[in-house]
Amino acid sequence: MQLTRRFVAVMALGLIGLVLVIDFAGGAVPNAYQAPAVVALGSGQVATGAMCAGLPGN
């Protein structure tokens, strides 16, 4: 078997498709209204836990 670009591309897309099928089959659809903010710059949400919350004055 020769590893051509077409073969590798088909295998990569097949693997991505398999991961998507397993992901959709294994769980419920996430609720976008209960998800944490992706970027919380200036949104009023403060960091909690780890070193991000170790600010002076806390």
Protein backbone atom coordinates (compact mmCIF):
# COMPACT_ATOMS: atom_id res chain seq x y z
CA MET A 1 0.00 0.00 0.00
CA GLN A 2 1.35 3.38 -1.01
CA LEU A 3 0.71 6.44 1.15
CA THR A 4 -0.43 8.94 -1.44
CA ARG A 5 -1.85 12.35 -0.62
CA ARG A 6 -5.31 11.20 -1.61
CA PHE A 7 -5.16 8.16 0.68
CA VAL A 8 -3.93 10.22 3.65
CA ALA A 9 -6.59 12.89 3.02
CA VAL A 10 -9.37 10.30 2.86
CA MET A 11 -8.14 8.62 6.03
CA ALA A 12 -7.88 11.97 7.87
CA LEU A 13 -11.41 12.99 6.84
CA GLY A 14 -12.68 9.54 7.78
CA LEU A 15 -11.11 9.83 11.22
CA ILE A 16 -12.65 13.27 11.74
CA GLY A 17 -16.02 11.90 10.64
CA LEU A 18 -15.69 8.96 13.03
CA VAL A 19 -14.91 11.28 15.94
CA LEU A 20 -17.95 13.43 15.08
CA VAL A 21 -20.24 10.40 14.88
CA ILE A 22 -19.01 9.08 18.24
CA ASP A 23 -19.38 12.55 19.79
CA PHE A 24 -22.94 13.07 18.56
CA ALA A 25 -23.98 9.53 19.47
CA GLY A 26 -22.54 9.70 22.97
CA GLY A 27 -24.14 12.75 24.47
CA ALA A 28 -26.77 15.41 24.49
CA VAL A 29 -26.56 18.70 22.68
CA PRO A 30 -24.84 21.29 24.88
CA ASN A 31 -26.94 24.18 26.12
CA ALA A 32 -25.35 27.39 24.84
CA TYR A 33 -27.05 29.45 27.55
CA GLN A 34 -25.35 27.49 30.37
CA ALA A 35 -21.89 27.28 28.80
CA PRO A 36 -19.09 29.38 30.31
CA ALA A 37 -17.82 32.34 28.35
CA VAL A 38 -15.05 31.52 25.90
CA VAL A 39 -13.40 34.90 26.43
CA ALA A 40 -14.34 36.80 29.58
CA LEU A 41 -12.51 40.06 28.98
CA GLY A 42 -14.56 42.82 30.57
CA SER A 43 -17.68 40.70 30.87
CA GLY A 44 -17.88 40.96 34.65
CA GLN A 45 -16.87 37.34 35.15
CA VAL A 46 -13.82 36.87 37.33
CA ALA A 47 -11.30 34.08 37.22
CA THR A 48 -11.53 31.46 39.95
CA GLY A 49 -9.03 28.81 40.90
CA ALA A 50 -5.36 28.26 40.06
CA MET A 51 -2.91 31.14 39.61
CA CYS A 52 -5.34 33.41 37.76
CA ALA A 53 -7.22 34.04 41.01
CA GLY A 54 -4.07 34.65 43.06
CA LEU A 55 -4.20 38.41 42.60
CA PRO A 56 -3.02 40.79 45.31
CA GLY A 57 -5.81 41.93 47.56
CA ASN A 58 -7.86 38.71 47.39
